[in-house]
Amino acid sequence: MEVSGVISTGSRLIGLEDRLMTLPSKPRYPSHADRYKPRYCCECGTVITKPYRKKYCDRCQLKPCAHCGTLFNAHSCTRGLKYCKRSCYTSQMKRELGSSARNWRGGRVAQHTLIRMRSDYKDWRTAVFERDHYTCQDCGARSRPGRCVYLHAHHLKSFATHPKLRTVVSNGLTLCEPCHHKRHRGRNHGMESS
């Protein structure tokens, strides 16, 4: 602000001739209210009373454990955590086995799922991968440091229509995921590939 040859620099008024020789006044530090603006809880929206590095109010910070019911800090490591410790999680998961599990369908499992879980089928997959040196036989893709390629063991003769050839190594071919999808595109799963 300049008024008749006098300018204002903070708290001191100096003449025009002295303005180059004087030092500027000390900067004004923000008040306590300016530094600590109110923060709001991410869950309920209430003002946090102790805002230093907190995202949740004290009421939303503590949650009851889904297994034992003790209150614990649910937001300290993972958002939406349901169990206070690992032992509560494992004991709760043991309760949900068999018919008490959420996705229980009366013990029914698809036949192809049972076959693919057997050890002889897993041995077939590994034998096909080792025979082809863990390399896609269509495009030549291979995993290396910094580039992960997901491989599939493809059946040359269909899995569904040729049950005797399911675990014959000569009926398998190593393909990367995109090449495997190209092989199956535009055909029904029960038909043979060309």
N, C-alpha and C. Protein backbone atom coordinates (compact mmCIF):
# COMPACT_ATOMS: atom_id res chain seq x y z
N MET A 1 0.85 -1.18 0.00
CA MET A 1 0.00 0.00 0.00
C MET A 1 0.89 1.23 0.00
N GLU A 2 0.67 2.13 -0.93
CA GLU A 2 1.51 3.31 -1.05
C GLU A 2 0.67 4.56 -0.86
N VAL A 3 1.07 5.38 0.12
CA VAL A 3 0.33 6.62 0.40
C VAL A 3 1.35 7.75 0.49
N SER A 4 1.31 8.69 -0.42
CA SER A 4 2.16 9.89 -0.46
C SER A 4 3.62 9.62 -0.14
N GLY A 5 4.23 8.74 -0.89
CA GLY A 5 5.65 8.49 -0.73
C GLY A 5 6.00 7.53 0.38
N VAL A 6 5.01 6.95 1.06
CA VAL A 6 5.25 6.01 2.15
C VAL A 6 4.62 4.67 1.77
N ILE A 7 5.37 3.58 1.93
CA ILE A 7 4.81 2.26 1.64
C ILE A 7 4.76 1.44 2.92
N SER A 8 3.85 0.48 2.92
CA SER A 8 3.69 -0.37 4.11
C SER A 8 4.29 -1.74 3.81
N THR A 9 5.17 -2.23 4.70
CA THR A 9 5.72 -3.58 4.58
C THR A 9 5.46 -4.29 5.89
N GLY A 10 4.34 -4.92 5.98
CA GLY A 10 4.03 -5.64 7.20
C GLY A 10 3.65 -4.69 8.30
N SER A 11 4.50 -4.58 9.33
CA SER A 11 4.16 -3.75 10.47
C SER A 11 4.89 -2.42 10.49
N ARG A 12 5.79 -2.14 9.52
CA ARG A 12 6.58 -0.91 9.52
C ARG A 12 6.24 -0.05 8.31
N LEU A 13 6.24 1.24 8.52
CA LEU A 13 6.06 2.19 7.42
C LEU A 13 7.43 2.82 7.14
N ILE A 14 7.84 2.83 5.88
CA ILE A 14 9.13 3.43 5.54
C ILE A 14 8.95 4.35 4.35
N GLY A 15 9.81 5.31 4.24
CA GLY A 15 9.76 6.24 3.12
C GLY A 15 10.28 5.59 1.86
N LEU A 16 10.03 6.26 0.71
CA LEU A 16 10.44 5.71 -0.56
C LEU A 16 11.96 5.60 -0.67
N GLU A 17 12.68 6.54 -0.06
CA GLU A 17 14.13 6.52 -0.16
C GLU A 17 14.76 5.41 0.67
N ASP A 18 14.06 4.97 1.73
CA ASP A 18 14.62 3.94 2.61
C ASP A 18 14.18 2.51 2.24
N ARG A 19 13.31 2.36 1.28
CA ARG A 19 12.72 1.05 1.05
C ARG A 19 13.71 -0.01 0.55
N LEU A 20 14.79 0.39 -0.13
CA LEU A 20 15.75 -0.58 -0.60
C LEU A 20 16.74 -1.00 0.47
N MET A 21 16.88 -0.20 1.54
CA MET A 21 17.88 -0.49 2.56
C MET A 21 17.33 -1.23 3.77
N THR A 22 16.04 -1.30 3.92
CA THR A 22 15.46 -1.94 5.10
C THR A 22 15.11 -3.38 4.81
N LEU A 23 15.12 -4.20 5.82
CA LEU A 23 14.74 -5.60 5.73
C LEU A 23 13.24 -5.73 5.89
N PRO A 24 12.64 -6.70 5.23
CA PRO A 24 11.19 -6.89 5.42
C PRO A 24 10.90 -7.38 6.84
N SER A 25 9.72 -7.09 7.31
CA SER A 25 9.35 -7.50 8.66
C SER A 25 9.14 -9.02 8.71
N LYS A 26 9.12 -9.58 9.91
CA LYS A 26 8.94 -11.02 10.09
C LYS A 26 7.58 -11.45 9.56
N PRO A 27 7.52 -12.65 8.92
CA PRO A 27 6.21 -13.12 8.45
C PRO A 27 5.30 -13.45 9.62
N ARG A 28 4.03 -13.22 9.45
CA ARG A 28 3.06 -13.51 10.48
C ARG A 28 2.77 -15.00 10.49
N TYR A 29 2.94 -15.67 11.60
CA TYR A 29 2.67 -17.11 11.71
C TYR A 29 1.18 -17.34 11.81
N PRO A 30 0.68 -18.41 11.22
CA PRO A 30 -0.76 -18.67 11.29
C PRO A 30 -1.19 -18.98 12.72
N SER A 31 -2.40 -18.63 13.01
CA SER A 31 -2.92 -18.88 14.35
C SER A 31 -3.20 -20.37 14.53
N HIS A 32 -3.50 -20.73 15.75
CA HIS A 32 -3.81 -22.12 16.07
C HIS A 32 -5.02 -22.61 15.27
N ALA A 33 -6.01 -21.75 15.10
CA ALA A 33 -7.23 -22.13 14.36
C ALA A 33 -6.93 -22.34 12.88
N ASP A 34 -5.99 -21.56 12.33
CA ASP A 34 -5.65 -21.72 10.92
C ASP A 34 -4.88 -23.01 10.69
N ARG A 35 -3.98 -23.35 11.62
CA ARG A 35 -3.16 -24.55 11.45
C ARG A 35 -3.96 -25.83 11.61
N TYR A 36 -4.88 -25.86 12.54
CA TYR A 36 -5.63 -27.08 12.84
C TYR A 36 -7.08 -26.92 12.42
N LYS A 37 -7.30 -27.00 11.13
CA LYS A 37 -8.67 -26.93 10.63
C LYS A 37 -9.37 -28.22 11.01
N PRO A 38 -10.67 -28.18 11.24
CA PRO A 38 -11.37 -29.40 11.68
C PRO A 38 -11.33 -30.48 10.61
N ARG A 39 -11.10 -31.72 11.05
CA ARG A 39 -11.14 -32.88 10.16
C ARG A 39 -12.38 -33.68 10.49
N TYR A 40 -12.89 -34.36 9.50
CA TYR A 40 -14.14 -35.09 9.66
C TYR A 40 -13.89 -36.59 9.49
N CYS A 41 -14.65 -37.38 10.24
CA CYS A 41 -14.55 -38.84 10.19
C CYS A 41 -14.97 -39.34 8.81
N CYS A 42 -14.20 -40.26 8.24
CA CYS A 42 -14.50 -40.80 6.91
C CYS A 42 -15.74 -41.69 6.93
N GLU A 43 -16.10 -42.19 8.10
CA GLU A 43 -17.23 -43.13 8.17
C GLU A 43 -18.54 -42.42 8.49
N CYS A 44 -18.56 -41.60 9.55
CA CYS A 44 -19.83 -40.99 9.97
C CYS A 44 -19.90 -39.49 9.71
N GLY A 45 -18.78 -38.82 9.43
CA GLY A 45 -18.79 -37.40 9.10
C GLY A 45 -18.72 -36.46 10.29
N THR A 46 -18.60 -36.95 11.51
CA THR A 46 -18.50 -36.07 12.67
C THR A 46 -17.11 -35.45 12.75
N VAL A 47 -17.01 -34.32 13.45
CA VAL A 47 -15.73 -33.65 13.61
C VAL A 47 -14.85 -34.47 14.55
N ILE A 48 -13.59 -34.67 14.16
CA ILE A 48 -12.65 -35.44 14.97
C ILE A 48 -12.05 -34.51 16.01
N THR A 49 -12.11 -34.91 17.28
CA THR A 49 -11.63 -34.05 18.36
C THR A 49 -10.11 -33.99 18.42
N LYS A 50 -9.43 -35.09 18.10
CA LYS A 50 -7.97 -35.11 18.06
C LYS A 50 -7.58 -35.37 16.61
N PRO A 51 -7.45 -34.30 15.79
CA PRO A 51 -7.32 -34.51 14.36
C PRO A 51 -5.93 -34.92 13.88
N TYR A 52 -4.95 -35.04 14.76
CA TYR A 52 -3.60 -35.31 14.29
C TYR A 52 -3.48 -36.69 13.65
N ARG A 53 -3.41 -36.72 12.33
CA ARG A 53 -3.21 -37.94 11.53
C ARG A 53 -4.28 -39.01 11.76
N LYS A 54 -5.50 -38.63 11.95
CA LYS A 54 -6.57 -39.61 12.12
C LYS A 54 -7.60 -39.43 11.02
N LYS A 55 -8.20 -40.51 10.58
CA LYS A 55 -9.25 -40.45 9.57
C LYS A 55 -10.61 -40.78 10.15
N TYR A 56 -10.64 -41.39 11.34
CA TYR A 56 -11.90 -41.85 11.93
C TYR A 56 -12.03 -41.32 13.34
N CYS A 57 -13.26 -41.07 13.77
CA CYS A 57 -13.50 -40.64 15.15
C CYS A 57 -13.33 -41.85 16.08
N ASP A 58 -13.31 -41.59 17.37
CA ASP A 58 -13.08 -42.67 18.32
C ASP A 58 -14.18 -43.73 18.27
N ARG A 59 -15.41 -43.31 17.99
CA ARG A 59 -16.52 -44.25 17.94
C ARG A 59 -16.40 -45.19 16.74
N CYS A 60 -15.97 -44.66 15.58
CA CYS A 60 -15.85 -45.49 14.37
C CYS A 60 -14.54 -46.27 14.33
N GLN A 61 -13.56 -45.83 15.11
CA GLN A 61 -12.25 -46.48 15.11
C GLN A 61 -12.33 -47.89 15.70
N LEU A 62 -13.13 -48.06 16.75
CA LEU A 62 -13.23 -49.36 17.42
C LEU A 62 -14.42 -50.14 16.90
N LYS A 63 -14.19 -51.39 16.52
CA LYS A 63 -15.24 -52.27 16.02
C LYS A 63 -15.22 -53.57 16.81
N PRO A 64 -16.37 -54.23 16.97
CA PRO A 64 -16.36 -55.53 17.64
C PRO A 64 -15.88 -56.63 16.70
N CYS A 65 -15.11 -57.55 17.23
CA CYS A 65 -14.62 -58.70 16.46
C CYS A 65 -15.81 -59.59 16.09
N ALA A 66 -15.85 -60.07 14.85
CA ALA A 66 -16.97 -60.90 14.39
C ALA A 66 -16.98 -62.26 15.06
N HIS A 67 -15.87 -62.68 15.66
CA HIS A 67 -15.81 -63.99 16.30
C HIS A 67 -15.99 -63.90 17.81
N CYS A 68 -15.14 -63.10 18.48
CA CYS A 68 -15.17 -63.08 19.94
C CYS A 68 -15.89 -61.87 20.52
N GLY A 69 -16.14 -60.82 19.72
CA GLY A 69 -16.89 -59.67 20.19
C GLY A 69 -16.08 -58.60 20.89
N THR A 70 -14.77 -58.77 21.07
CA THR A 70 -13.96 -57.74 21.73
C THR A 70 -13.77 -56.55 20.79
N LEU A 71 -13.71 -55.34 21.37
CA LEU A 71 -13.50 -54.14 20.58
C LEU A 71 -12.03 -54.04 20.19
N PHE A 72 -11.77 -53.70 18.92
CA PHE A 72 -10.40 -53.55 18.46
C PHE A 72 -10.35 -52.44 17.42
N ASN A 73 -9.13 -51.93 17.16
CA ASN A 73 -8.94 -50.84 16.23
C ASN A 73 -9.01 -51.40 14.81
N ALA A 74 -10.16 -51.29 14.18
CA ALA A 74 -10.39 -51.93 12.89
C ALA A 74 -9.72 -51.19 11.75
N HIS A 75 -9.39 -49.93 11.92
CA HIS A 75 -8.86 -49.15 10.82
C HIS A 75 -7.36 -48.91 10.93
N SER A 76 -6.68 -49.63 11.81
CA SER A 76 -5.25 -49.37 11.97
C SER A 76 -4.44 -49.94 10.82
N CYS A 77 -4.83 -51.12 10.29
CA CYS A 77 -4.02 -51.71 9.22
C CYS A 77 -4.83 -51.90 7.94
N THR A 78 -6.04 -52.40 8.02
CA THR A 78 -6.82 -52.67 6.82
C THR A 78 -8.23 -52.14 7.01
N ARG A 79 -8.72 -51.45 6.02
CA ARG A 79 -10.08 -50.90 6.08
C ARG A 79 -11.07 -52.04 6.03
N GLY A 80 -12.01 -52.05 6.95
CA GLY A 80 -13.07 -53.04 6.95
C GLY A 80 -12.68 -54.38 7.55
N LEU A 81 -11.65 -54.43 8.37
CA LEU A 81 -11.22 -55.66 9.01
C LEU A 81 -12.32 -56.15 9.95
N LYS A 82 -12.57 -57.48 10.00
CA LYS A 82 -13.66 -58.01 10.81
C LYS A 82 -13.20 -58.77 12.04
N TYR A 83 -11.93 -59.18 12.10
CA TYR A 83 -11.45 -60.02 13.20
C TYR A 83 -10.30 -59.32 13.91
N CYS A 84 -10.24 -59.49 15.25
CA CYS A 84 -9.21 -58.79 16.03
C CYS A 84 -7.84 -59.44 15.90
N LYS A 85 -7.75 -60.71 15.65
CA LYS A 85 -6.46 -61.38 15.48
C LYS A 85 -6.62 -62.59 14.57
N ARG A 86 -5.52 -63.13 14.14
CA ARG A 86 -5.51 -64.24 13.19
C ARG A 86 -6.21 -65.48 13.74
N SER A 87 -6.06 -65.76 15.03
CA SER A 87 -6.68 -66.96 15.61
C SER A 87 -8.21 -66.86 15.56
N CYS A 88 -8.76 -65.65 15.72
CA CYS A 88 -10.22 -65.49 15.60
C CYS A 88 -10.67 -65.76 14.17
N TYR A 89 -9.89 -65.30 13.21
CA TYR A 89 -10.23 -65.53 11.80
C TYR A 89 -10.22 -67.02 11.48
N THR A 90 -9.16 -67.74 11.90
CA THR A 90 -9.06 -69.17 11.57
C THR A 90 -10.13 -69.99 12.27
N SER A 91 -10.44 -69.65 13.52
CA SER A 91 -11.48 -70.42 14.21
C SER A 91 -12.86 -70.15 13.60
N GLN A 92 -13.09 -68.93 13.11
CA GLN A 92 -14.35 -68.63 12.44
C GLN A 92 -14.46 -69.38 11.12
N MET A 93 -13.35 -69.46 10.38
CA MET A 93 -13.37 -70.17 9.10
C MET A 93 -13.55 -71.68 9.30
N LYS A 94 -13.05 -72.22 10.42
CA LYS A 94 -13.26 -73.63 10.70
C LYS A 94 -14.73 -73.93 10.97
N ARG A 95 -15.45 -72.95 11.53
CA ARG A 95 -16.88 -73.13 11.76
C ARG A 95 -17.66 -73.20 10.46
N GLU A 96 -17.14 -72.56 9.41
CA GLU A 96 -17.86 -72.47 8.14
C GLU A 96 -17.43 -73.54 7.15
N LEU A 97 -17.13 -74.72 7.62
CA LEU A 97 -16.78 -75.83 6.74
C LEU A 97 -18.00 -76.70 6.49
N GLY A 98 -18.02 -77.37 5.35
CA GLY A 98 -19.10 -78.31 5.05
C GLY A 98 -20.44 -77.64 4.87
N SER A 99 -21.45 -78.19 5.49
CA SER A 99 -22.81 -77.70 5.29
C SER A 99 -23.06 -76.32 5.89
N SER A 100 -22.19 -75.84 6.78
CA SER A 100 -22.39 -74.50 7.34
C SER A 100 -21.67 -73.43 6.53
N ALA A 101 -21.00 -73.79 5.46
CA ALA A 101 -20.32 -72.81 4.61
C ALA A 101 -21.34 -71.99 3.84
N ARG A 102 -20.93 -70.77 3.46
CA ARG A 102 -21.85 -69.86 2.78
C ARG A 102 -22.25 -70.37 1.40
N ASN A 103 -21.33 -70.97 0.67
CA ASN A 103 -21.60 -71.41 -0.70
C ASN A 103 -21.94 -72.89 -0.80
N TRP A 104 -22.42 -73.49 0.26
CA TRP A 104 -22.72 -74.91 0.28
C TRP A 104 -23.90 -75.21 -0.65
N ARG A 105 -23.72 -76.23 -1.49
CA ARG A 105 -24.78 -76.62 -2.43
C ARG A 105 -25.11 -78.09 -2.28
N GLY A 106 -25.16 -78.57 -1.07
CA GLY A 106 -25.55 -79.94 -0.82
C GLY A 106 -24.48 -80.97 -1.15
N GLY A 107 -23.24 -80.59 -1.19
CA GLY A 107 -22.15 -81.51 -1.47
C GLY A 107 -21.93 -81.81 -2.93
N ARG A 108 -22.61 -81.09 -3.80
CA ARG A 108 -22.47 -81.32 -5.23
C ARG A 108 -21.26 -80.56 -5.77
N VAL A 109 -20.40 -81.25 -6.50
CA VAL A 109 -19.25 -80.64 -7.17
C VAL A 109 -19.28 -81.12 -8.61
N ALA A 110 -18.99 -80.23 -9.52
CA ALA A 110 -18.98 -80.61 -10.93
C ALA A 110 -17.92 -81.66 -11.19
N GLN A 111 -18.22 -82.60 -12.06
CA GLN A 111 -17.32 -83.70 -12.35
C GLN A 111 -15.98 -83.21 -12.90
N HIS A 112 -16.01 -82.23 -13.80
CA HIS A 112 -14.75 -81.74 -14.37
C HIS A 112 -13.88 -81.06 -13.32
N THR A 113 -14.50 -80.47 -12.30
CA THR A 113 -13.73 -79.85 -11.21
C THR A 113 -13.01 -80.92 -10.41
N LEU A 114 -13.69 -82.02 -10.12
CA LEU A 114 -13.05 -83.11 -9.38
C LEU A 114 -11.89 -83.71 -10.16
N ILE A 115 -12.07 -83.86 -11.47
CA ILE A 115 -11.00 -84.42 -12.30
C ILE A 115 -9.79 -83.49 -12.33
N ARG A 116 -10.03 -82.19 -12.48
CA ARG A 116 -8.93 -81.23 -12.56
C ARG A 116 -8.20 -81.06 -11.23
N MET A 117 -8.81 -81.47 -10.13
CA MET A 117 -8.16 -81.38 -8.82
C MET A 117 -7.34 -82.61 -8.49
N ARG A 118 -7.46 -83.68 -9.27
CA ARG A 118 -6.73 -84.92 -8.99
C ARG A 118 -5.25 -84.75 -9.28
N SER A 119 -4.43 -85.56 -8.61
CA SER A 119 -2.97 -85.44 -8.75
C SER A 119 -2.49 -85.87 -10.14
N ASP A 120 -3.15 -86.87 -10.76
CA ASP A 120 -2.69 -87.30 -12.08
C ASP A 120 -2.93 -86.21 -13.13
N TYR A 121 -4.01 -85.42 -12.97
CA TYR A 121 -4.25 -84.31 -13.88
C TYR A 121 -3.20 -83.21 -13.69
N LYS A 122 -2.84 -82.92 -12.42
CA LYS A 122 -1.81 -81.91 -12.15
C LYS A 122 -0.45 -82.38 -12.67
N ASP A 123 -0.16 -83.66 -12.55
CA ASP A 123 1.08 -84.21 -13.11
C ASP A 123 1.09 -84.07 -14.64
N TRP A 124 -0.07 -84.28 -15.29
CA TRP A 124 -0.17 -84.10 -16.74
C TRP A 124 0.16 -82.66 -17.13
N ARG A 125 -0.41 -81.70 -16.42
CA ARG A 125 -0.14 -80.29 -16.71
C ARG A 125 1.36 -79.99 -16.63
N THR A 126 1.99 -80.43 -15.52
CA THR A 126 3.41 -80.18 -15.32
C THR A 126 4.24 -80.85 -16.42
N ALA A 127 3.88 -82.08 -16.82
CA ALA A 127 4.61 -82.78 -17.88
C ALA A 127 4.50 -82.05 -19.21
N VAL A 128 3.32 -81.49 -19.51
CA VAL A 128 3.13 -80.73 -20.75
C VAL A 128 3.99 -79.46 -20.72
N PHE A 129 3.98 -78.75 -19.60
CA PHE A 129 4.79 -77.53 -19.47
C PHE A 129 6.28 -77.84 -19.62
N GLU A 130 6.74 -78.91 -18.97
CA GLU A 130 8.17 -79.26 -19.05
C GLU A 130 8.56 -79.70 -20.45
N ARG A 131 7.70 -80.44 -21.13
CA ARG A 131 7.98 -80.87 -22.50
C ARG A 131 8.15 -79.68 -23.43
N ASP A 132 7.31 -78.64 -23.22
CA ASP A 132 7.35 -77.45 -24.07
C ASP A 132 8.26 -76.36 -23.51
N HIS A 133 9.04 -76.66 -22.49
CA HIS A 133 10.01 -75.73 -21.87
C HIS A 133 9.33 -74.45 -21.37
N TYR A 134 8.12 -74.57 -20.83
CA TYR A 134 7.37 -73.45 -20.26
C TYR A 134 7.29 -72.27 -21.24
N THR A 135 7.06 -72.58 -22.51
CA THR A 135 6.97 -71.57 -23.56
C THR A 135 5.68 -71.78 -24.34
N CYS A 136 4.99 -70.67 -24.67
CA CYS A 136 3.78 -70.75 -25.47
C CYS A 136 4.15 -71.27 -26.86
N GLN A 137 3.43 -72.27 -27.35
CA GLN A 137 3.75 -72.90 -28.62
C GLN A 137 3.17 -72.13 -29.82
N ASP A 138 2.31 -71.13 -29.58
CA ASP A 138 1.78 -70.32 -30.67
C ASP A 138 2.63 -69.06 -30.90
N CYS A 139 2.87 -68.30 -29.84
CA CYS A 139 3.56 -67.01 -30.00
C CYS A 139 4.98 -67.00 -29.43
N GLY A 140 5.37 -68.02 -28.68
CA GLY A 140 6.73 -68.08 -28.13
C GLY A 140 6.92 -67.30 -26.84
N ALA A 141 5.84 -66.83 -26.23
CA ALA A 141 5.95 -66.05 -24.99
C ALA A 141 6.45 -66.92 -23.86
N ARG A 142 7.27 -66.30 -23.01
CA ARG A 142 7.86 -67.02 -21.88
C ARG A 142 8.08 -66.04 -20.75
N SER A 143 7.91 -66.50 -19.51
CA SER A 143 8.12 -65.62 -18.36
C SER A 143 9.61 -65.32 -18.23
N ARG A 144 9.88 -64.10 -17.83
CA ARG A 144 11.26 -63.66 -17.53
C ARG A 144 11.17 -62.57 -16.48
N PRO A 145 12.28 -62.17 -15.88
CA PRO A 145 12.21 -61.12 -14.84
C PRO A 145 11.56 -59.85 -15.38
N GLY A 146 10.54 -59.39 -14.68
CA GLY A 146 9.81 -58.20 -15.07
C GLY A 146 8.63 -58.45 -15.99
N ARG A 147 8.47 -59.67 -16.49
CA ARG A 147 7.36 -59.98 -17.38
C ARG A 147 6.84 -61.37 -17.05
N CYS A 148 5.64 -61.42 -16.51
CA CYS A 148 5.04 -62.70 -16.11
C CYS A 148 4.05 -63.14 -17.19
N VAL A 149 4.22 -64.36 -17.66
CA VAL A 149 3.31 -64.93 -18.66
C VAL A 149 2.58 -66.10 -18.01
N TYR A 150 1.25 -66.06 -18.02
CA TYR A 150 0.44 -67.13 -17.44
C TYR A 150 0.20 -68.19 -18.51
N LEU A 151 0.60 -69.42 -18.21
CA LEU A 151 0.48 -70.51 -19.17
C LEU A 151 -0.71 -71.41 -18.85
N HIS A 152 -1.31 -71.94 -19.91
CA HIS A 152 -2.41 -72.90 -19.80
C HIS A 152 -2.01 -74.17 -20.53
N ALA A 153 -2.45 -75.30 -20.01
CA ALA A 153 -2.27 -76.57 -20.71
C ALA A 153 -3.54 -76.83 -21.52
N HIS A 154 -3.41 -76.76 -22.84
CA HIS A 154 -4.55 -76.89 -23.75
C HIS A 154 -4.68 -78.33 -24.24
N HIS A 155 -5.89 -78.85 -24.26
CA HIS A 155 -6.14 -80.19 -24.80
C HIS A 155 -6.35 -80.09 -26.31
N LEU A 156 -5.57 -80.83 -27.09
CA LEU A 156 -5.75 -80.84 -28.54
C LEU A 156 -7.07 -81.53 -28.90
N LYS A 157 -7.31 -82.67 -28.30
CA LYS A 157 -8.61 -83.33 -28.41
C LYS A 157 -9.40 -82.92 -27.17
N SER A 158 -10.65 -82.56 -27.34
CA SER A 158 -11.45 -81.94 -26.28
C SER A 158 -11.49 -82.76 -24.97
N PHE A 159 -11.41 -82.05 -23.88
CA PHE A 159 -11.49 -82.64 -22.54
C PHE A 159 -12.82 -83.35 -22.34
N ALA A 160 -13.91 -82.75 -22.83
CA ALA A 160 -15.26 -83.28 -22.58
C ALA A 160 -15.57 -84.51 -23.44
N THR A 161 -15.11 -84.52 -24.68
CA THR A 161 -15.52 -85.60 -25.59
C THR A 161 -14.52 -86.75 -25.67
N HIS A 162 -13.32 -86.58 -25.14
CA HIS A 162 -12.30 -87.63 -25.18
C HIS A 162 -11.77 -87.91 -23.78
N PRO A 163 -12.55 -88.59 -22.93
CA PRO A 163 -12.11 -88.79 -21.55
C PRO A 163 -10.86 -89.65 -21.42
N LYS A 164 -10.59 -90.54 -22.38
CA LYS A 164 -9.40 -91.39 -22.28
C LYS A 164 -8.12 -90.61 -22.57
N LEU A 165 -8.23 -89.50 -23.26
CA LEU A 165 -7.04 -88.71 -23.63
C LEU A 165 -6.79 -87.52 -22.69
N ARG A 166 -7.54 -87.44 -21.61
CA ARG A 166 -7.42 -86.29 -20.71
C ARG A 166 -6.03 -86.15 -20.10
N THR A 167 -5.38 -87.25 -19.79
CA THR A 167 -4.08 -87.19 -19.12
C THR A 167 -2.95 -87.78 -19.98
N VAL A 168 -3.14 -87.81 -21.30
CA VAL A 168 -2.08 -88.25 -22.21
C VAL A 168 -1.27 -87.01 -22.60
N VAL A 169 0.04 -87.06 -22.37
CA VAL A 169 0.89 -85.89 -22.57
C VAL A 169 0.88 -85.43 -24.02
N SER A 170 0.79 -86.36 -24.98
CA SER A 170 0.79 -85.98 -26.40
C SER A 170 -0.49 -85.23 -26.80
N ASN A 171 -1.53 -85.27 -25.97
CA ASN A 171 -2.76 -84.54 -26.23
C ASN A 171 -2.72 -83.12 -25.65
N GLY A 172 -1.61 -82.72 -25.05
CA GLY A 172 -1.51 -81.41 -24.42
C GLY A 172 -0.62 -80.46 -25.20
N LEU A 173 -0.85 -79.16 -25.02
CA LEU A 173 -0.07 -78.12 -25.67
C LEU A 173 0.00 -76.92 -24.73
N THR A 174 1.19 -76.36 -24.56
CA THR A 174 1.36 -75.20 -23.69
C THR A 174 1.03 -73.94 -24.47
N LEU A 175 0.10 -73.15 -23.94
CA LEU A 175 -0.29 -71.89 -24.55
C LEU A 175 -0.35 -70.79 -23.50
N CYS A 176 -0.05 -69.56 -23.90
CA CYS A 176 -0.24 -68.43 -22.98
C CYS A 176 -1.74 -68.13 -22.93
N GLU A 177 -2.14 -67.32 -21.98
CA GLU A 177 -3.57 -67.06 -21.79
C GLU A 177 -4.24 -66.45 -23.02
N PRO A 178 -3.67 -65.41 -23.67
CA PRO A 178 -4.33 -64.86 -24.86
C PRO A 178 -4.44 -65.86 -26.02
N CYS A 179 -3.37 -66.65 -26.24
CA CYS A 179 -3.42 -67.64 -27.33
C CYS A 179 -4.43 -68.74 -27.03
N HIS A 180 -4.58 -69.11 -25.76
CA HIS A 180 -5.56 -70.12 -25.40
C HIS A 180 -6.98 -69.62 -25.65
N HIS A 181 -7.22 -68.35 -25.34
CA HIS A 181 -8.55 -67.78 -25.61
C HIS A 181 -8.81 -67.70 -27.11
N LYS A 182 -7.77 -67.43 -27.91
CA LYS A 182 -7.95 -67.40 -29.37
C LYS A 182 -8.32 -68.78 -29.89
N ARG A 183 -7.73 -69.81 -29.32
CA ARG A 183 -8.05 -71.18 -29.74
C ARG A 183 -9.51 -71.54 -29.47
N HIS A 184 -10.05 -71.04 -28.35
CA HIS A 184 -11.42 -71.40 -27.97
C HIS A 184 -12.46 -70.42 -28.49
N ARG A 185 -12.05 -69.30 -29.06
CA ARG A 185 -13.00 -68.30 -29.52
C ARG A 185 -13.79 -68.83 -30.71
N GLY A 186 -15.09 -68.63 -30.69
CA GLY A 186 -15.94 -68.97 -31.83
C GLY A 186 -16.29 -70.44 -31.95
N ARG A 187 -16.06 -71.22 -30.90
CA ARG A 187 -16.44 -72.63 -30.98
C ARG A 187 -17.03 -73.07 -29.65
N ASN A 188 -17.84 -74.11 -29.68
CA ASN A 188 -18.39 -74.67 -28.46
C ASN A 188 -17.33 -75.48 -27.76
N HIS A 189 -17.39 -75.57 -26.43
CA HIS A 189 -16.37 -76.28 -25.68
C HIS A 189 -16.38 -77.77 -25.92
N GLY A 190 -17.43 -78.33 -26.46
CA GLY A 190 -17.49 -79.77 -26.68
C GLY A 190 -16.89 -80.21 -28.01
N MET A 191 -16.53 -79.24 -28.88
CA MET A 191 -16.01 -79.59 -30.19
C MET A 191 -14.49 -79.59 -30.18
N GLU A 192 -13.89 -80.28 -31.12
CA GLU A 192 -12.44 -80.36 -31.22
C GLU A 192 -11.89 -79.12 -31.90
N SER A 193 -10.64 -78.78 -31.55
CA SER A 193 -10.00 -77.65 -32.20
C SER A 193 -9.33 -78.11 -33.48
N SER A 194 -9.09 -77.19 -34.38
CA SER A 194 -8.47 -77.56 -35.64
C SER A 194 -6.96 -77.59 -35.55
